[in-house]
């Protein structure tokens, strides 16, 4: 069968080799492939693997032999799910391969911001040493308040690290999680986002991107944060109003930010709405790679291969995610508990 995998810059050698060894025709498309290019490649494809490239209604409607779409990753906002459901094309993601991995990445950003590690390293590289001047005063994490926005699997891992690992006070804004469930994790539920922002010394975003969360952290929300607080986002760039965030950094509404995701990727030093943040020592910019470890990539490739084989062999595809967009599917899928 013909398989198209977009975003080939993200290498998955085990997956690719296994599919080819099984006799399938694997076509690789580079990052940033245009809609016409993807539509042309998938016109006679049986299976589509994607990571970042938007999979639009036009692409789905033109792929008349398509038996499934596998997102080798978590977020599904780039896939036109209603179009896929309409054309009876099952869509599946890989939600569990990097829960602790991404949380560890978020916590690395948090620690680096609190201790001014990146700015210190830059100074050490240029000057050779740094004396204990007020400019280098960092912040403890123990005893501080970490506010988690979105208490899904990654958010829960982050909460555990902050609370049990660093003795922080952990609060969370997660409308679909009960106070009782949070209490079992040692987390206090906050019903109002602005209240969480006002109380937190560190705000870490772990929500999915949908119509409710797009632009959820805007100018009003950033102004609600403490001037001494840091914002960490490893979820989706579009959850934050990025123009407002640039203004917040420039005008010191907040102390700094650690970002692994951007609404337009890749980030570039010039010509990007967020390019100005390169010039700020209190901002850490990471290239959407908090998921990228040897362990996580092995899990990702193995899980992706399992989902591919289900599609190619005509079996129902196992949906492990609880995202309602995927749970709305009724054809060619089976749901994990």
C-alpha atoms as a PDB file:
ATOM      1  CA  UNK A   1       0.000   0.000   0.000  1.00  0.00           C
ATOM      2  CA  UNK A   2       1.040   3.618  -0.434  1.00  0.00           C
ATOM      3  CA  UNK A   3       1.890   5.518   2.725  1.00  0.00           C
ATOM      4  CA  UNK A   4       2.655   9.233   2.860  1.00  0.00           C
ATOM      5  CA  UNK A   5       4.546  10.665   5.829  1.00  0.00           C
ATOM      6  CA  UNK A   6       4.797  14.443   6.122  1.00  0.00           C
ATOM      7  CA  UNK A   7       7.336  16.357   8.205  1.00  0.00           C
ATOM      8  CA  UNK A   8      10.199  14.041   7.300  1.00  0.00           C
ATOM      9  CA  UNK A   9      12.692  16.383   9.004  1.00  0.00           C
ATOM     10  CA  UNK A  10      11.528  14.633  12.175  1.00  0.00           C
ATOM     11  CA  UNK A  11      13.325  11.372  11.566  1.00  0.00           C
ATOM     12  CA  UNK A  12      11.642   8.079  12.461  1.00  0.00           C
ATOM     13  CA  UNK A  13      14.065   5.492  11.068  1.00  0.00           C
ATOM     14  CA  UNK A  14      12.619   2.465  12.882  1.00  0.00           C
ATOM     15  CA  UNK A  15       9.088   3.250  11.742  1.00  0.00           C
ATOM     16  CA  UNK A  16      10.118   3.974   8.158  1.00  0.00           C
ATOM     17  CA  UNK A  17      12.177   0.792   7.858  1.00  0.00           C
ATOM     18  CA  UNK A  18       9.459  -1.421   9.335  1.00  0.00           C
ATOM     19  CA  UNK A  19       6.885  -0.061   6.876  1.00  0.00           C
ATOM     20  CA  UNK A  20       9.229  -0.549   3.932  1.00  0.00           C
ATOM     21  CA  UNK A  21      10.217  -4.036   5.111  1.00  0.00           C
ATOM     22  CA  UNK A  22       6.521  -4.929   5.074  1.00  0.00           C
ATOM     23  CA  UNK A  23       6.465  -4.090   1.364  1.00  0.00           C
ATOM     24  CA  UNK A  24       4.702  -0.739   1.509  1.00  0.00           C
ATOM     25  CA  UNK A  25       5.527   2.242  -0.693  1.00  0.00           C
ATOM     26  CA  UNK A  26       6.568   5.004   1.716  1.00  0.00           C
ATOM     27  CA  UNK A  27       6.646   8.564   0.371  1.00  0.00           C
ATOM     28  CA  UNK A  28       8.301  11.214   2.557  1.00  0.00           C
ATOM     29  CA  UNK A  29       7.358  14.882   2.344  1.00  0.00           C
ATOM     30  CA  UNK A  30       9.506  17.602   3.937  1.00  0.00           C
ATOM     31  CA  UNK A  31       8.461  20.042   6.624  1.00  0.00           C
ATOM     32  CA  UNK A  32       6.430  22.906   5.241  1.00  0.00           C
ATOM     33  CA  UNK A  33       5.017  20.969   2.284  1.00  0.00           C
ATOM     34  CA  UNK A  34       2.259  23.006   0.673  1.00  0.00           C
ATOM     35  CA  UNK A  35      -1.380  21.964   0.603  1.00  0.00           C
ATOM     36  CA  UNK A  36      -1.210  21.237  -3.165  1.00  0.00           C
ATOM     37  CA  UNK A  37       1.911  19.102  -2.661  1.00  0.00           C
ATOM     38  CA  UNK A  38       0.300  17.083   0.132  1.00  0.00           C
ATOM     39  CA  UNK A  39      -2.940  16.745  -1.838  1.00  0.00           C
ATOM     40  CA  UNK A  40      -1.056  15.488  -4.870  1.00  0.00           C
ATOM     41  CA  UNK A  41       0.960  12.946  -2.875  1.00  0.00           C
ATOM     42  CA  UNK A  42      -2.054  11.599  -0.982  1.00  0.00           C
ATOM     43  CA  UNK A  43      -4.434  11.372  -3.949  1.00  0.00           C
ATOM     44  CA  UNK A  44      -3.798   7.623  -4.226  1.00  0.00           C
ATOM     45  CA  UNK A  45      -2.479   7.011  -0.698  1.00  0.00           C
ATOM     46  CA  UNK A  46      -3.872   4.387   1.672  1.00  0.00           C
ATOM     47  CA  UNK A  47      -2.413   5.879   4.855  1.00  0.00           C
ATOM     48  CA  UNK A  48      -1.300   9.359   5.864  1.00  0.00           C
ATOM     49  CA  UNK A  49       1.149  10.034   8.694  1.00  0.00           C
ATOM     50  CA  UNK A  50       1.485  13.640   9.822  1.00  0.00           C
ATOM     51  CA  UNK A  51       3.061  15.609  12.627  1.00  0.00           C
ATOM     52  CA  UNK A  52       2.862  19.373  11.976  1.00  0.00           C
ATOM     53  CA  UNK A  53       1.652  19.809   8.399  1.00  0.00           C
ATOM     54  CA  UNK A  54      -2.003  20.936   8.207  1.00  0.00           C
ATOM     55  CA  UNK A  55      -4.304  18.245   6.846  1.00  0.00           C
ATOM     56  CA  UNK A  56      -7.175  20.197   5.350  1.00  0.00           C
ATOM     57  CA  UNK A  57     -10.589  19.264   4.018  1.00  0.00           C
ATOM     58  CA  UNK A  58      -9.237  19.606   0.469  1.00  0.00           C
ATOM     59  CA  UNK A  59      -6.527  17.037   1.175  1.00  0.00           C
ATOM     60  CA  UNK A  60      -8.953  14.598   2.805  1.00  0.00           C
ATOM     61  CA  UNK A  61     -11.575  14.916   0.088  1.00  0.00           C
ATOM     62  CA  UNK A  62      -8.981  14.311  -2.624  1.00  0.00           C
ATOM     63  CA  UNK A  63      -7.506  11.211  -0.977  1.00  0.00           C
ATOM     64  CA  UNK A  64     -10.165   8.795  -2.189  1.00  0.00           C
ATOM     65  CA  UNK A  65      -8.332   5.628  -1.049  1.00  0.00           C
ATOM     66  CA  UNK A  66      -7.354   6.932   2.381  1.00  0.00           C
ATOM     67  CA  UNK A  67      -7.962   4.423   5.165  1.00  0.00           C
ATOM     68  CA  UNK A  68      -6.608   6.419   8.078  1.00  0.00           C
ATOM     69  CA  UNK A  69      -4.667   9.421   9.355  1.00  0.00           C
ATOM     70  CA  UNK A  70      -2.098   8.845  12.083  1.00  0.00           C
ATOM     71  CA  UNK A  71      -0.736  11.857  13.959  1.00  0.00           C
ATOM     72  CA  UNK A  72       2.660  10.772  15.218  1.00  0.00           C
ATOM     73  CA  UNK A  73       2.432  13.080  18.195  1.00  0.00           C
ATOM     74  CA  UNK A  74      -0.295  14.432  20.454  1.00  0.00           C
ATOM     75  CA  UNK A  75      -1.926  17.622  19.161  1.00  0.00           C
ATOM     76  CA  UNK A  76      -4.595  17.210  16.487  1.00  0.00           C
ATOM     77  CA  UNK A  77      -5.517  20.854  15.867  1.00  0.00           C
ATOM     78  CA  UNK A  78      -3.860  20.750  12.403  1.00  0.00           C
ATOM     79  CA  UNK A  79      -6.253  18.031  11.166  1.00  0.00           C
ATOM     80  CA  UNK A  80      -9.735  18.803   9.874  1.00  0.00           C
ATOM     81  CA  UNK A  81     -11.425  16.204  12.077  1.00  0.00           C
ATOM     82  CA  UNK A  82     -15.005  16.948  10.901  1.00  0.00           C
ATOM     83  CA  UNK A  83     -13.930  16.378   7.282  1.00  0.00           C
ATOM     84  CA  UNK A  84     -12.259  13.107   8.228  1.00  0.00           C
ATOM     85  CA  UNK A  85     -15.357  11.905  10.088  1.00  0.00           C
ATOM     86  CA  UNK A  86     -17.554  12.920   7.166  1.00  0.00           C
ATOM     87  CA  UNK A  87     -15.416  10.847   4.794  1.00  0.00           C
ATOM     88  CA  UNK A  88     -15.119   7.937   7.251  1.00  0.00           C
ATOM     89  CA  UNK A  89     -11.370   8.278   7.612  1.00  0.00           C
ATOM     90  CA  UNK A  90     -10.275   7.305  11.136  1.00  0.00           C
ATOM     91  CA  UNK A  91      -7.899   9.718  12.856  1.00  0.00           C
ATOM     92  CA  UNK A  92      -5.641   8.646  15.716  1.00  0.00           C
ATOM     93  CA  UNK A  93      -2.870  10.288  17.692  1.00  0.00           C
ATOM     94  CA  UNK A  94      -0.152   9.009  20.030  1.00  0.00           C
ATOM     95  CA  UNK A  95      -1.028  10.659  23.342  1.00  0.00           C
ATOM     96  CA  UNK A  96       1.054   8.784  25.904  1.00  0.00           C
ATOM     97  CA  UNK A  97       4.618   8.601  24.605  1.00  0.00           C
ATOM     98  CA  UNK A  98       6.028  11.788  26.179  1.00  0.00           C
ATOM     99  CA  UNK A  99       3.952  12.740  29.223  1.00  0.00           C
ATOM    100  CA  UNK A 100       6.848  12.810  31.679  1.00  0.00           C
ATOM    101  CA  UNK A 101       9.261  13.846  28.926  1.00  0.00           C
ATOM    102  CA  UNK A 102       7.455  17.097  28.102  1.00  0.00           C
ATOM    103  CA  UNK A 103       6.801  17.810  31.779  1.00  0.00           C
ATOM    104  CA  UNK A 104      10.536  17.401  32.440  1.00  0.00           C
ATOM    105  CA  UNK A 105      11.214  19.856  29.619  1.00  0.00           C
ATOM    106  CA  UNK A 106       8.776  22.349  31.090  1.00  0.00           C
ATOM    107  CA  UNK A 107      10.367  21.963  34.491  1.00  0.00           C
ATOM    108  CA  UNK A 108      13.809  22.460  32.992  1.00  0.00           C
ATOM    109  CA  UNK A 109      12.602  25.796  31.605  1.00  0.00           C
ATOM    110  CA  UNK A 110      11.113  26.685  34.987  1.00  0.00           C
ATOM    111  CA  UNK A 111      14.343  25.912  36.852  1.00  0.00           C
ATOM    112  CA  UNK A 112      16.474  27.739  34.292  1.00  0.00           C
ATOM    113  CA  UNK A 113      14.302  30.848  34.595  1.00  0.00           C
ATOM    114  CA  UNK A 114      14.198  30.723  38.392  1.00  0.00           C
ATOM    115  CA  UNK A 115      17.979  30.362  38.657  1.00  0.00           C
ATOM    116  CA  UNK A 116      18.840  32.634  35.672  1.00  0.00           C
ATOM    117  CA  UNK A 117      20.941  29.833  34.238  1.00  0.00           C
ATOM    118  CA  UNK A 118      20.878  30.913  30.591  1.00  0.00           C
ATOM    119  CA  UNK A 119      21.764  34.520  31.355  1.00  0.00           C
ATOM    120  CA  UNK A 120      24.547  33.360  33.687  1.00  0.00           C
ATOM    121  CA  UNK A 121      25.920  31.000  31.059  1.00  0.00           C
ATOM    122  CA  UNK A 122      25.966  33.801  28.470  1.00  0.00           C
ATOM    123  CA  UNK A 123      27.785  36.068  30.918  1.00  0.00           C
ATOM    124  CA  UNK A 124      30.271  33.341  31.854  1.00  0.00           C
ATOM    125  CA  UNK A 125      31.006  32.647  28.187  1.00  0.00           C
ATOM    126  CA  UNK A 126      31.658  36.331  27.529  1.00  0.00           C
ATOM    127  CA  UNK A 127      33.359  37.378  30.781  1.00  0.00           C
ATOM    128  CA  UNK A 128      34.642  34.175  32.362  1.00  0.00           C
ATOM    129  CA  UNK A 129      33.041  34.739  35.771  1.00  0.00           C
ATOM    130  CA  UNK A 130      30.075  36.356  37.548  1.00  0.00           C
ATOM    131  CA  UNK A 131      30.158  37.864  41.025  1.00  0.00           C
ATOM    132  CA  UNK A 132      27.121  37.770  43.378  1.00  0.00           C
ATOM    133  CA  UNK A 133      25.531  41.016  42.266  1.00  0.00           C
ATOM    134  CA  UNK A 134      21.782  41.713  42.608  1.00  0.00           C
ATOM    135  CA  UNK A 135      21.311  41.185  38.849  1.00  0.00           C
ATOM    136  CA  UNK A 136      21.994  37.468  39.374  1.00  0.00           C
ATOM    137  CA  UNK A 137      19.614  36.947  42.291  1.00  0.00           C
ATOM    138  CA  UNK A 138      17.496  33.923  41.469  1.00  0.00           C
ATOM    139  CA  UNK A 139      14.358  32.495  43.001  1.00  0.00           C
ATOM    140  CA  UNK A 140      13.628  29.410  45.081  1.00  0.00           C
ATOM    141  CA  UNK A 141      10.942  27.011  43.895  1.00  0.00           C
ATOM    142  CA  UNK A 142      10.257  25.439  47.302  1.00  0.00           C
ATOM    143  CA  UNK A 143       7.490  27.356  49.013  1.00  0.00           C
ATOM    144  CA  UNK A 144       6.478  29.192  45.847  1.00  0.00           C
ATOM    145  CA  UNK A 145       3.194  28.727  43.981  1.00  0.00           C
ATOM    146  CA  UNK A 146       3.179  26.877  40.670  1.00  0.00           C
ATOM    147  CA  UNK A 147      -0.018  27.388  38.684  1.00  0.00           C
ATOM    148  CA  UNK A 148      -0.803  24.667  36.163  1.00  0.00           C
ATOM    149  CA  UNK A 149      -3.186  25.548  33.328  1.00  0.00           C
ATOM    150  CA  UNK A 150      -4.628  22.263  32.065  1.00  0.00           C
ATOM    151  CA  UNK A 151      -4.294  19.239  34.344  1.00  0.00           C
ATOM    152  CA  UNK A 152      -4.147  16.506  31.739  1.00  0.00           C
ATOM    153  CA  UNK A 153      -1.446  13.856  31.728  1.00  0.00           C
ATOM    154  CA  UNK A 154       1.448  16.234  31.137  1.00  0.00           C
ATOM    155  CA  UNK A 155       0.005  18.783  33.547  1.00  0.00           C
ATOM    156  CA  UNK A 156      -0.303  16.093  36.206  1.00  0.00           C
ATOM    157  CA  UNK A 157       3.310  15.083  35.728  1.00  0.00           C
ATOM    158  CA  UNK A 158       4.328  18.725  36.060  1.00  0.00           C
ATOM    159  CA  UNK A 159       2.247  19.093  39.226  1.00  0.00           C
ATOM    160  CA  UNK A 160       3.854  16.005  40.751  1.00  0.00           C
ATOM    161  CA  UNK A 161       7.360  17.265  40.028  1.00  0.00           C
ATOM    162  CA  UNK A 162       6.621  20.694  41.477  1.00  0.00           C
ATOM    163  CA  UNK A 163       4.774  19.479  44.568  1.00  0.00           C
ATOM    164  CA  UNK A 164       6.446  16.250  45.589  1.00  0.00           C
ATOM    165  CA  UNK A 165       9.810  16.990  44.055  1.00  0.00           C
ATOM    166  CA  UNK A 166      10.320  20.651  44.959  1.00  0.00           C
ATOM    167  CA  UNK A 167       7.795  21.275  47.763  1.00  0.00           C
ATOM    168  CA  UNK A 168       6.011  23.988  45.819  1.00  0.00           C
ATOM    169  CA  UNK A 169       2.392  24.893  46.430  1.00  0.00           C
ATOM    170  CA  UNK A 170       0.596  23.629  43.318  1.00  0.00           C
ATOM    171  CA  UNK A 171      -2.693  25.058  42.096  1.00  0.00           C
ATOM    172  CA  UNK A 172      -4.469  24.316  38.836  1.00  0.00           C
ATOM    173  CA  UNK A 173      -7.057  25.729  36.486  1.00  0.00           C
ATOM    174  CA  UNK A 174      -8.642  22.793  34.681  1.00  0.00           C
ATOM    175  CA  UNK A 175     -12.419  23.152  34.269  1.00  0.00           C
ATOM    176  CA  UNK A 176     -13.003  19.479  33.453  1.00  0.00           C
ATOM    177  CA  UNK A 177     -11.066  18.136  36.455  1.00  0.00           C
ATOM    178  CA  UNK A 178     -12.821  17.871  39.811  1.00  0.00           C
ATOM    179  CA  UNK A 179     -11.482  19.329  43.031  1.00  0.00           C
ATOM    180  CA  UNK A 180     -11.496  15.820  44.502  1.00  0.00           C
ATOM    181  CA  UNK A 181      -9.299  14.436  41.713  1.00  0.00           C
ATOM    182  CA  UNK A 182      -6.908  17.336  42.137  1.00  0.00           C
ATOM    183  CA  UNK A 183      -6.763  16.891  45.892  1.00  0.00           C
ATOM    184  CA  UNK A 184      -5.592  13.305  45.404  1.00  0.00           C
ATOM    185  CA  UNK A 185      -2.635  14.764  43.485  1.00  0.00           C
ATOM    186  CA  UNK A 186      -1.924  17.346  46.168  1.00  0.00           C
ATOM    187  CA  UNK A 187      -3.223  20.116  43.912  1.00  0.00           C
ATOM    188  CA  UNK A 188      -5.701  22.851  44.796  1.00  0.00           C
ATOM    189  CA  UNK A 189      -8.391  23.583  42.216  1.00  0.00           C
ATOM    190  CA  UNK A 190      -8.828  27.221  41.191  1.00  0.00           C
ATOM    191  CA  UNK A 191     -12.088  27.893  39.351  1.00  0.00           C
ATOM    192  CA  UNK A 192     -11.102  31.250  37.865  1.00  0.00           C
ATOM    193  CA  UNK A 193      -8.121  31.598  35.534  1.00  0.00           C
ATOM    194  CA  UNK A 194      -7.392  35.161  36.649  1.00  0.00           C
ATOM    195  CA  UNK A 195      -7.245  34.033  40.268  1.00  0.00           C
ATOM    196  CA  UNK A 196      -4.691  31.379  39.379  1.00  0.00           C
ATOM    197  CA  UNK A 197      -2.593  33.870  37.437  1.00  0.00           C
ATOM    198  CA  UNK A 198      -2.665  36.383  40.279  1.00  0.00           C
ATOM    199  CA  UNK A 199      -1.555  33.811  42.857  1.00  0.00           C
ATOM    200  CA  UNK A 200       1.186  32.038  40.887  1.00  0.00           C
ATOM    201  CA  UNK A 201       4.922  32.614  40.905  1.00  0.00           C
ATOM    202  CA  UNK A 202       5.259  30.265  37.936  1.00  0.00           C
ATOM    203  CA  UNK A 203       2.477  29.674  35.392  1.00  0.00           C
ATOM    204  CA  UNK A 204       2.901  26.586  33.222  1.00  0.00           C
ATOM    205  CA  UNK A 205       0.539  25.864  30.321  1.00  0.00           C
ATOM    206  CA  UNK A 206      -0.476  22.289  29.480  1.00  0.00           C
ATOM    207  CA  UNK A 207      -3.889  22.750  27.838  1.00  0.00           C
ATOM    208  CA  UNK A 208      -4.922  21.406  24.446  1.00  0.00           C
ATOM    209  CA  UNK A 209      -5.532  23.917  21.681  1.00  0.00           C
ATOM    210  CA  UNK A 210      -9.185  24.228  20.715  1.00  0.00           C
ATOM    211  CA  UNK A 211     -11.754  26.971  20.212  1.00  0.00           C
ATOM    212  CA  UNK A 212     -12.012  27.508  23.972  1.00  0.00           C
ATOM    213  CA  UNK A 213      -8.280  27.810  24.649  1.00  0.00           C
ATOM    214  CA  UNK A 214      -7.082  29.698  21.562  1.00  0.00           C
ATOM    215  CA  UNK A 215      -5.815  33.082  22.799  1.00  0.00           C
ATOM    216  CA  UNK A 216      -6.780  32.167  26.363  1.00  0.00           C
ATOM    217  CA  UNK A 217      -3.743  33.976  27.780  1.00  0.00           C
ATOM    218  CA  UNK A 218      -4.082  37.503  26.445  1.00  0.00           C
ATOM    219  CA  UNK A 219      -3.094  40.987  27.558  1.00  0.00           C
ATOM    220  CA  UNK A 220      -5.645  41.036  30.383  1.00  0.00           C
ATOM    221  CA  UNK A 221      -4.445  37.690  31.687  1.00  0.00           C
ATOM    222  CA  UNK A 222      -0.764  38.627  31.457  1.00  0.00           C
ATOM    223  CA  UNK A 223      -1.459  41.830  33.376  1.00  0.00           C
ATOM    224  CA  UNK A 224      -3.129  39.710  36.069  1.00  0.00           C
ATOM    225  CA  UNK A 225       0.167  37.915  36.737  1.00  0.00           C
ATOM    226  CA  UNK A 226       2.669  39.066  39.338  1.00  0.00           C
ATOM    227  CA  UNK A 227       5.503  41.231  37.968  1.00  0.00           C
ATOM    228  CA  UNK A 228       7.831  38.656  39.531  1.00  0.00           C
ATOM    229  CA  UNK A 229       6.138  35.662  37.867  1.00  0.00           C
ATOM    230  CA  UNK A 230       7.312  33.542  34.947  1.00  0.00           C
ATOM    231  CA  UNK A 231       5.231  32.017  32.136  1.00  0.00           C
ATOM    232  CA  UNK A 232       6.128  28.594  30.689  1.00  0.00           C
ATOM    233  CA  UNK A 233       4.407  27.251  27.579  1.00  0.00           C
ATOM    234  CA  UNK A 234       5.179  23.793  26.161  1.00  0.00           C
ATOM    235  CA  UNK A 235       1.650  23.141  24.885  1.00  0.00           C
ATOM    236  CA  UNK A 236       0.622  25.182  21.821  1.00  0.00           C
ATOM    237  CA  UNK A 237       1.750  28.658  20.906  1.00  0.00           C
ATOM    238  CA  UNK A 238      -1.703  29.881  19.906  1.00  0.00           C
ATOM    239  CA  UNK A 239      -3.007  29.439  23.464  1.00  0.00           C
ATOM    240  CA  UNK A 240      -1.102  32.662  24.204  1.00  0.00           C
ATOM    241  CA  UNK A 241      -1.721  35.995  22.473  1.00  0.00           C
ATOM    242  CA  UNK A 242       1.871  36.283  21.340  1.00  0.00           C
ATOM    243  CA  UNK A 243       1.753  39.987  20.507  1.00  0.00           C
ATOM    244  CA  UNK A 244       0.555  40.625  24.042  1.00  0.00           C
ATOM    245  CA  UNK A 245       3.337  38.423  25.401  1.00  0.00           C
ATOM    246  CA  UNK A 246       5.993  40.388  23.513  1.00  0.00           C
ATOM    247  CA  UNK A 247       4.545  43.576  25.008  1.00  0.00           C
ATOM    248  CA  UNK A 248       4.446  41.978  28.460  1.00  0.00           C
ATOM    249  CA  UNK A 249       8.155  41.127  28.232  1.00  0.00           C
ATOM    250  CA  UNK A 250       9.151  44.510  26.822  1.00  0.00           C
ATOM    251  CA  UNK A 251       7.178  46.438  29.444  1.00  0.00           C
ATOM    252  CA  UNK A 252       8.022  44.025  32.270  1.00  0.00           C
ATOM    253  CA  UNK A 253       4.471  43.052  33.164  1.00  0.00           C
ATOM    254  CA  UNK A 254       6.013  39.673  34.054  1.00  0.00           C
ATOM    255  CA  UNK A 255       9.533  38.575  34.990  1.00  0.00           C
ATOM    256  CA  UNK A 256      10.131  36.346  31.981  1.00  0.00           C
ATOM    257  CA  UNK A 257       9.031  33.387  29.917  1.00  0.00           C
ATOM    258  CA  UNK A 258      10.139  29.946  28.771  1.00  0.00           C
ATOM    259  CA  UNK A 259       8.646  28.955  25.420  1.00  0.00           C
ATOM    260  CA  UNK A 260       8.915  25.709  23.471  1.00  0.00           C
ATOM    261  CA  UNK A 261       5.970  26.364  21.138  1.00  0.00           C
ATOM    262  CA  UNK A 262       4.931  29.166  18.801  1.00  0.00           C
ATOM    263  CA  UNK A 263       1.849  29.787  16.701  1.00  0.00           C
ATOM    264  CA  UNK A 264       4.108  30.113  13.645  1.00  0.00           C
ATOM    265  CA  UNK A 265       6.916  27.575  13.492  1.00  0.00           C
ATOM    266  CA  UNK A 266       9.781  27.684  12.925  1.00  0.00           C
ATOM    267  CA  UNK A 267      10.712  30.767  14.877  1.00  0.00           C
ATOM    268  CA  UNK A 268      13.210  32.989  13.063  1.00  0.00           C
ATOM    269  CA  UNK A 269      15.578  35.687  14.297  1.00  0.00           C
ATOM    270  CA  UNK A 270      13.957  38.287  12.027  1.00  0.00           C
ATOM    271  CA  UNK A 271      10.579  38.695  10.357  1.00  0.00           C
ATOM    272  CA  UNK A 272       8.622  36.642  12.905  1.00  0.00           C
ATOM    273  CA  UNK A 273       6.032  38.137  15.297  1.00  0.00           C
ATOM    274  CA  UNK A 274       8.123  36.774  18.187  1.00  0.00           C
ATOM    275  CA  UNK A 275      11.581  37.659  16.844  1.00  0.00           C
ATOM    276  CA  UNK A 276      11.958  40.480  19.357  1.00  0.00           C
ATOM    277  CA  UNK A 277      12.155  37.959  22.191  1.00  0.00           C
ATOM    278  CA  UNK A 278      15.621  36.833  21.096  1.00  0.00           C
ATOM    279  CA  UNK A 279      16.975  40.044  22.624  1.00  0.00           C
ATOM    280  CA  UNK A 280      15.662  39.435  26.141  1.00  0.00           C
ATOM    281  CA  UNK A 281      17.862  37.538  28.643  1.00  0.00           C
ATOM    282  CA  UNK A 282      14.803  36.723  30.769  1.00  0.00           C
ATOM    283  CA  UNK A 283      13.252  34.703  27.927  1.00  0.00           C
ATOM    284  CA  UNK A 284      14.257  31.155  27.004  1.00  0.00           C
ATOM    285  CA  UNK A 285      13.335  30.071  23.475  1.00  0.00           C
ATOM    286  CA  UNK A 286      13.280  26.341  22.745  1.00  0.00           C
ATOM    287  CA  UNK A 287      12.583  24.900  19.236  1.00  0.00           C
ATOM    288  CA  UNK A 288       9.552  22.723  20.076  1.00  0.00           C
ATOM    289  CA  UNK A 289      11.799  19.883  21.225  1.00  0.00           C
ATOM    290  CA  UNK A 290      10.822  19.190  24.836  1.00  0.00           C
ATOM    291  CA  UNK A 291       9.397  15.887  23.552  1.00  0.00           C
ATOM    292  CA  UNK A 292      12.610  14.915  21.778  1.00  0.00           C
ATOM    293  CA  UNK A 293      14.504  12.311  23.796  1.00  0.00           C
ATOM    294  CA  UNK A 294      15.778   8.883  22.801  1.00  0.00           C
ATOM    295  CA  UNK A 295      13.318   7.206  25.147  1.00  0.00           C
ATOM    296  CA  UNK A 296      10.290   9.169  23.988  1.00  0.00           C
ATOM    297  CA  UNK A 297      11.105   8.776  20.303  1.00  0.00           C
ATOM    298  CA  UNK A 298      11.388   5.010  20.715  1.00  0.00           C
ATOM    299  CA  UNK A 299       7.974   4.925  22.343  1.00  0.00           C
ATOM    300  CA  UNK A 300       6.567   7.205  19.636  1.00  0.00           C
ATOM    301  CA  UNK A 301       7.825   5.041  16.784  1.00  0.00           C
ATOM    302  CA  UNK A 302       6.590   1.810  18.373  1.00  0.00           C
ATOM    303  CA  UNK A 303       3.122   3.223  19.114  1.00  0.00           C
ATOM    304  CA  UNK A 304       2.850   4.809  15.671  1.00  0.00           C
ATOM    305  CA  UNK A 305       3.774   1.532  13.996  1.00  0.00           C
ATOM    306  CA  UNK A 306       1.088  -0.288  15.990  1.00  0.00           C
ATOM    307  CA  UNK A 307      -1.562   2.202  14.851  1.00  0.00           C
ATOM    308  CA  UNK A 308      -0.350   2.011  11.229  1.00  0.00           C
ATOM    309  CA  UNK A 309      -0.609  -1.764  11.201  1.00  0.00           C
ATOM    310  CA  UNK A 310      -4.180  -1.565  12.499  1.00  0.00           C
ATOM    311  CA  UNK A 311      -5.124   0.703   9.593  1.00  0.00           C
ATOM    312  CA  UNK A 312      -3.238  -1.267   6.950  1.00  0.00           C
ATOM    313  CA  UNK A 313      -4.648  -4.603   8.120  1.00  0.00           C
ATOM    314  CA  UNK A 314      -8.218  -3.305   8.148  1.00  0.00           C
ATOM    315  CA  UNK A 315      -8.641  -3.492  11.916  1.00  0.00           C
ATOM    316  CA  UNK A 316     -10.276  -0.882  14.126  1.00  0.00           C
ATOM    317  CA  UNK A 317      -7.763   1.749  15.220  1.00  0.00           C
ATOM    318  CA  UNK A 318      -7.137   2.043  18.955  1.00  0.00           C
ATOM    319  CA  UNK A 319      -7.898   5.534  20.261  1.00  0.00           C
ATOM    320  CA  UNK A 320      -6.137   6.123  23.582  1.00  0.00           C
ATOM    321  CA  UNK A 321      -6.815   9.848  23.734  1.00  0.00           C
ATOM    322  CA  UNK A 322      -9.829  11.224  25.591  1.00  0.00           C
ATOM    323  CA  UNK A 323     -10.015  14.283  23.350  1.00  0.00           C
ATOM    324  CA  UNK A 324     -13.721  14.660  22.470  1.00  0.00           C
ATOM    325  CA  UNK A 325     -12.835  15.424  18.848  1.00  0.00           C
ATOM    326  CA  UNK A 326     -11.365  11.945  18.471  1.00  0.00           C
ATOM    327  CA  UNK A 327     -14.009  10.342  20.664  1.00  0.00           C
ATOM    328  CA  UNK A 328     -16.673  11.676  18.273  1.00  0.00           C
ATOM    329  CA  UNK A 329     -15.574   9.129  15.687  1.00  0.00           C
ATOM    330  CA  UNK A 330     -17.833   6.130  15.071  1.00  0.00           C
ATOM    331  CA  UNK A 331     -16.254   4.336  12.089  1.00  0.00           C
ATOM    332  CA  UNK A 332     -13.129   2.195  12.143  1.00  0.00           C
ATOM    333  CA  UNK A 333     -12.130   2.988  15.704  1.00  0.00           C
ATOM    334  CA  UNK A 334     -12.152   1.365  19.134  1.00  0.00           C
ATOM    335  CA  UNK A 335     -11.618   3.270  22.349  1.00  0.00           C
ATOM    336  CA  UNK A 336      -9.325   2.457  25.252  1.00  0.00           C
ATOM    337  CA  UNK A 337     -10.808   2.871  28.719  1.00  0.00           C
END
